[in-house]
Amino acid sequence: MGIKFETPYDLEREYIFAKYIESKFDCILYKLDASYSIDFGCIKNNKLVCWVELKRRKNSSKAYPTYMLNNYKLCRGLSLSEHTQIPFILAVEFTDSRLWVNCNEVSKTNPALRFMSKRKKRVEDDAEPMTLIPMKYFKSFKHPMYCL
């Protein structure tokens, strides 16, 4: 799956975003082991209600027409969702907003796939398939996540 790029600062920002979601929806996000490849399990009323992947971007939500998500991560989240019948949610903190998308619904639209490199200079073993999720599917946190 490649090198892990999370810094202590990234983890701190993830924690702050997770606490925002918990307060917004009166739920608890439990950090999952790295073997799950997904960040959190979300508990509401003592019941696991969704899988959650948190991301942070250093650009505006309007900067690009699509959001790039590692296809492996999408597949892992959808697999967990399929086996548990619990939705997989992607939540992203942009510079101008915090948005979320139901990945189960997006996957039904057959989003585009592209091979992309994480670094500016292409490294042969760094290119991975990325899913391009149209921004039109993202919702503001003003809209409740239907699973919460």
Protein backbone atom coordinates (compact mmCIF):
# COMPACT_ATOMS: atom_id res chain seq x y z
CA MET A 1 0.00 0.00 0.00
CA GLY A 2 2.96 2.34 0.18
CA ILE A 3 4.52 4.67 2.71
CA LYS A 4 2.44 6.20 5.47
CA PHE A 5 2.56 9.99 5.28
CA GLU A 6 0.75 10.92 8.54
CA THR A 7 2.68 13.33 10.73
CA PRO A 8 1.88 14.21 14.36
CA TYR A 9 0.29 17.40 12.99
CA ASP A 10 -1.90 15.35 10.61
CA LEU A 11 -3.03 13.16 13.51
CA GLU A 12 -3.83 16.23 15.62
CA ARG A 13 -5.94 17.73 12.81
CA GLU A 14 -7.68 14.37 12.35
CA TYR A 15 -8.49 14.31 16.08
CA ILE A 16 -9.95 17.84 15.93
CA PHE A 17 -12.08 16.94 12.88
CA ALA A 18 -13.27 13.72 14.59
CA LYS A 19 -14.29 15.70 17.69
CA TYR A 20 -16.22 18.13 15.47
CA ILE A 21 -18.19 15.24 13.95
CA GLU A 22 -18.81 13.72 17.37
CA SER A 23 -20.22 16.99 18.72
CA LYS A 24 -22.23 17.70 15.57
CA PHE A 25 -23.96 14.29 15.51
CA ASP A 26 -23.78 13.17 19.15
CA CYS A 27 -21.78 10.07 18.29
CA ILE A 28 -18.40 8.53 19.11
CA LEU A 29 -15.69 7.86 16.53
CA TYR A 30 -13.45 4.95 17.51
CA LYS A 31 -10.03 4.92 15.83
CA LEU A 32 -9.51 1.63 14.01
CA ASP A 33 -6.31 -0.38 13.77
CA ALA A 34 -4.26 0.38 10.65
CA SER A 35 -5.06 -3.12 9.32
CA TYR A 36 -8.61 -1.91 8.58
CA SER A 37 -7.30 0.81 6.22
CA ILE A 38 -10.22 2.99 7.34
CA ASP A 39 -9.90 5.59 10.10
CA PHE A 40 -12.96 5.15 12.31
CA GLY A 41 -16.00 3.16 13.30
CA CYS A 42 -18.85 5.49 14.29
CA ILE A 43 -21.02 4.56 17.28
CA LYS A 44 -24.42 6.08 17.99
CA ASN A 45 -26.70 4.81 20.77
CA ASN A 46 -24.25 1.93 21.42
CA LYS A 47 -24.52 0.72 17.83
CA LEU A 48 -21.98 0.82 15.00
CA VAL A 49 -23.71 2.97 12.38
CA CYS A 50 -21.03 3.75 9.77
CA TRP A 51 -17.38 3.46 8.80
CA VAL A 52 -15.66 6.83 8.45
CA GLU A 53 -12.55 7.94 6.59
CA LEU A 54 -11.34 11.45 7.45
CA LYS A 55 -9.24 13.51 5.06
CA ARG A 56 -7.84 17.02 5.03
CA ARG A 57 -6.98 19.06 1.96
CA LYS A 58 -4.99 22.28 1.63
CA ASN A 59 -7.28 23.59 -1.10
CA SER A 60 -10.78 24.96 -1.41
CA SER A 61 -13.65 22.57 -2.05
CA LYS A 62 -14.23 24.51 -5.28
CA ALA A 63 -10.64 24.14 -6.57
CA TYR A 64 -11.29 20.91 -8.51
CA PRO A 65 -14.39 19.28 -10.00
CA THR A 66 -13.52 15.95 -8.36
CA TYR A 67 -12.02 14.64 -5.12
CA MET A 68 -9.25 12.05 -5.48
CA LEU A 69 -9.43 9.05 -3.14
CA ASN A 70 -7.03 6.13 -3.22
CA ASN A 71 -8.97 3.32 -4.88
CA TYR A 72 -7.59 0.76 -2.39
CA LYS A 73 -9.05 2.80 0.47
CA LEU A 74 -12.40 3.03 -1.31
CA CYS A 75 -12.44 -0.72 -1.95
CA ARG A 76 -11.54 -1.49 1.68
CA GLY A 77 -14.29 0.78 2.97
CA LEU A 78 -16.87 -0.64 0.57
CA SER A 79 -15.84 -4.18 1.48
CA LEU A 80 -16.33 -3.44 5.19
CA SER A 81 -19.66 -1.87 4.32
CA GLU A 82 -20.78 -4.83 2.25
CA HIS A 83 -19.83 -7.38 4.92
CA THR A 84 -21.46 -5.45 7.76
CA GLN A 85 -24.33 -3.74 5.93
CA ILE A 86 -23.11 -0.44 7.43
CA PRO A 87 -22.39 2.58 5.16
CA PHE A 88 -18.92 3.92 4.40
CA ILE A 89 -18.63 7.71 4.73
CA LEU A 90 -15.79 9.92 3.52
CA ALA A 91 -15.50 13.23 5.38
CA VAL A 92 -13.12 15.90 4.08
CA GLU A 93 -11.93 19.12 5.67
CA PHE A 94 -11.09 21.67 2.97
CA THR A 95 -9.76 25.18 3.59
CA ASP A 96 -13.26 26.63 3.13
CA SER A 97 -15.58 23.88 4.35
CA ARG A 98 -16.10 20.45 5.83
CA LEU A 99 -18.00 18.06 3.56
CA TRP A 100 -19.02 14.41 3.53
CA VAL A 101 -20.09 11.85 0.96
CA ASN A 102 -21.68 8.42 1.17
CA CYS A 103 -19.20 6.23 -0.73
CA ASN A 104 -21.75 3.44 -1.18
CA GLU A 105 -23.94 5.78 -3.21
CA VAL A 106 -21.02 7.24 -5.17
CA SER A 107 -19.71 3.80 -6.11
CA LYS A 108 -23.02 3.10 -7.91
CA THR A 109 -22.25 5.97 -10.30
CA ASN A 110 -19.04 4.29 -11.56
CA PRO A 111 -16.68 7.20 -10.84
CA ALA A 112 -13.59 7.58 -13.04
CA LEU A 113 -10.30 5.90 -12.15
CA ARG A 114 -6.84 7.32 -12.92
CA PHE A 115 -3.30 6.29 -12.07
CA MET A 116 -1.77 9.13 -10.08
CA SER A 117 1.41 9.75 -8.13
CA LYS A 118 1.31 11.23 -4.63
CA ARG A 119 4.53 13.16 -5.16
CA LYS A 120 5.19 15.92 -7.66
CA LYS A 121 8.04 14.00 -9.24
CA ARG A 122 6.81 10.69 -10.52
CA VAL A 123 8.32 7.68 -8.79
CA GLU A 124 7.69 4.38 -10.55
CA ASP A 125 6.34 2.49 -7.52
CA ASP A 126 4.37 5.50 -6.24
CA ALA A 127 1.63 5.55 -8.89
CA GLU A 128 -1.67 4.15 -7.64
CA PRO A 129 -5.21 3.96 -8.99
CA MET A 130 -7.26 6.84 -7.65
CA THR A 131 -11.04 7.20 -7.73
CA LEU A 132 -12.26 10.61 -8.85
CA ILE A 133 -15.41 11.47 -6.91
CA PRO A 134 -17.40 14.36 -8.44
CA MET A 135 -17.73 17.20 -5.91
CA LYS A 136 -21.46 17.43 -6.67
CA TYR A 137 -21.99 14.34 -4.47
CA PHE A 138 -20.51 15.95 -1.36
CA LYS A 139 -22.81 17.40 1.28
CA SER A 140 -22.28 20.03 3.93
CA PHE A 141 -22.37 19.01 7.58
CA LYS A 142 -25.56 21.10 7.74
CA HIS A 143 -27.14 18.02 6.13
CA PRO A 144 -27.24 15.12 8.57
CA MET A 145 -25.50 11.91 7.62
CA TYR A 146 -28.46 9.61 7.13
CA CYS A 147 -26.77 6.88 9.18
CA LEU A 148 -26.56 9.22 12.18
